[in-house]
């Protein structure tokens, strides 16, 4: 078995910070239940719970859950098979190792 080198999860801090520093309303996602692809802005968001619930506009299945506490947030995207986020062209890309 060949050992592959890896970096710990702290390496993701910069790339993820870049990712979520963009406007996600234009990000495209696919509903895990019905397969509909659409922008995050098209989701139906309900705020009657202790957090936000975003449902597919086609089949009404939950695609996203966001709960915010005073010092942390929980993001659950289990109902979304992918989230395609547009990135500004001038943004630096992490260099490969």
Protein backbone atom coordinates (compact mmCIF):
# COMPACT_ATOMS: atom_id res chain seq x y z
CA UNK A 1 0.00 0.00 0.00
CA UNK A 2 1.37 3.39 -0.98
CA UNK A 3 1.27 6.09 1.64
CA UNK A 4 -0.02 9.42 0.43
CA UNK A 5 0.92 12.60 2.22
CA UNK A 6 -1.86 14.86 3.40
CA UNK A 7 -2.37 18.18 5.14
CA UNK A 8 -4.64 18.57 8.13
CA UNK A 9 -8.00 20.28 7.82
CA UNK A 10 -6.56 23.64 8.90
CA UNK A 11 -5.35 23.99 5.31
CA UNK A 12 -8.99 24.41 4.22
CA UNK A 13 -9.42 27.64 6.21
CA UNK A 14 -8.16 29.94 3.46
CA UNK A 15 -9.88 28.26 0.50
CA UNK A 16 -13.21 27.96 2.35
CA UNK A 17 -12.98 31.56 3.54
CA UNK A 18 -12.57 32.59 -0.09
CA UNK A 19 -15.47 30.43 -1.16
CA UNK A 20 -17.97 31.83 1.31
CA UNK A 21 -16.85 35.43 0.81
CA UNK A 22 -18.81 35.52 -2.45
CA UNK A 23 -22.50 36.15 -3.05
CA UNK A 24 -24.12 32.71 -2.81
CA UNK A 25 -27.49 33.85 -4.21
CA UNK A 26 -26.22 33.13 -7.74
CA UNK A 27 -24.68 29.77 -6.77
CA UNK A 28 -26.38 26.85 -8.53
CA UNK A 29 -27.44 23.72 -6.69
CA UNK A 30 -29.19 20.46 -7.48
CA UNK A 31 -31.99 19.03 -5.36
CA UNK A 32 -31.11 15.55 -4.16
CA UNK A 33 -34.77 14.49 -4.29
CA UNK A 34 -36.06 15.64 -7.70
CA UNK A 35 -32.88 16.68 -9.52
CA UNK A 36 -33.99 20.24 -10.22
CA UNK A 37 -31.05 22.62 -10.75
CA UNK A 38 -31.49 26.26 -9.80
CA UNK A 39 -29.95 29.22 -8.05
CA UNK A 40 -29.88 29.54 -4.28
CA UNK A 41 -32.04 32.64 -4.73
CA UNK A 42 -34.86 30.46 -6.10
CA UNK A 43 -35.13 28.34 -2.93
CA UNK A 44 -38.13 28.79 -0.63
CA UNK A 45 -36.73 29.85 2.76
CA UNK A 46 -38.66 29.38 5.99
CA UNK A 47 -37.53 31.23 9.11
CA UNK A 48 -40.19 30.06 11.58
CA UNK A 49 -37.80 27.63 13.30
CA UNK A 50 -34.72 28.31 15.40
CA UNK A 51 -32.84 28.56 12.07
CA UNK A 52 -33.41 28.86 8.34
CA UNK A 53 -34.78 26.02 6.22
CA UNK A 54 -34.46 26.29 2.42
CA UNK A 55 -36.69 24.05 0.33
CA UNK A 56 -36.65 23.11 -3.34
CA UNK A 57 -39.19 25.23 -5.27
CA UNK A 58 -40.10 22.18 -7.37
CA UNK A 59 -40.67 19.35 -4.85
CA UNK A 60 -40.46 21.23 -1.50
CA UNK A 61 -37.77 18.89 -0.06
CA UNK A 62 -35.25 20.49 2.32
CA UNK A 63 -32.01 21.40 0.53
CA UNK A 64 -30.31 23.55 3.17
CA UNK A 65 -30.49 24.15 6.91
CA UNK A 66 -28.67 27.00 8.65
CA UNK A 67 -28.69 27.56 12.39
CA UNK A 68 -26.75 30.41 13.91
CA UNK A 69 -25.68 30.62 17.55
CA UNK A 70 -23.95 33.52 19.30
CA UNK A 71 -20.48 32.21 18.47
CA UNK A 72 -20.95 29.55 15.76
CA UNK A 73 -23.14 28.41 12.89
CA UNK A 74 -24.26 25.01 11.57
CA UNK A 75 -24.76 24.49 7.83
CA UNK A 76 -26.39 21.30 6.55
CA UNK A 77 -26.52 20.74 2.78
CA UNK A 78 -27.62 17.08 2.82
CA UNK A 79 -30.51 17.79 0.45
CA UNK A 80 -28.19 19.34 -2.15
CA UNK A 81 -26.12 17.06 -4.40
CA UNK A 82 -23.83 19.91 -5.48
CA UNK A 83 -23.37 23.63 -4.99
CA UNK A 84 -21.64 25.41 -7.89
CA UNK A 85 -20.29 28.76 -6.68
CA UNK A 86 -19.23 31.46 -9.16
CA UNK A 87 -15.78 32.78 -8.28
CA UNK A 88 -14.40 36.18 -9.30
CA UNK A 89 -11.69 35.83 -11.96
CA UNK A 90 -9.17 38.02 -10.13
CA UNK A 91 -9.26 35.86 -6.97
CA UNK A 92 -6.05 33.97 -6.27
CA UNK A 93 -6.13 30.18 -6.46
CA UNK A 94 -4.27 28.03 -3.90
CA UNK A 95 -1.07 26.62 -5.35
CA UNK A 96 -0.82 22.83 -5.67
CA UNK A 97 1.76 21.05 -3.56
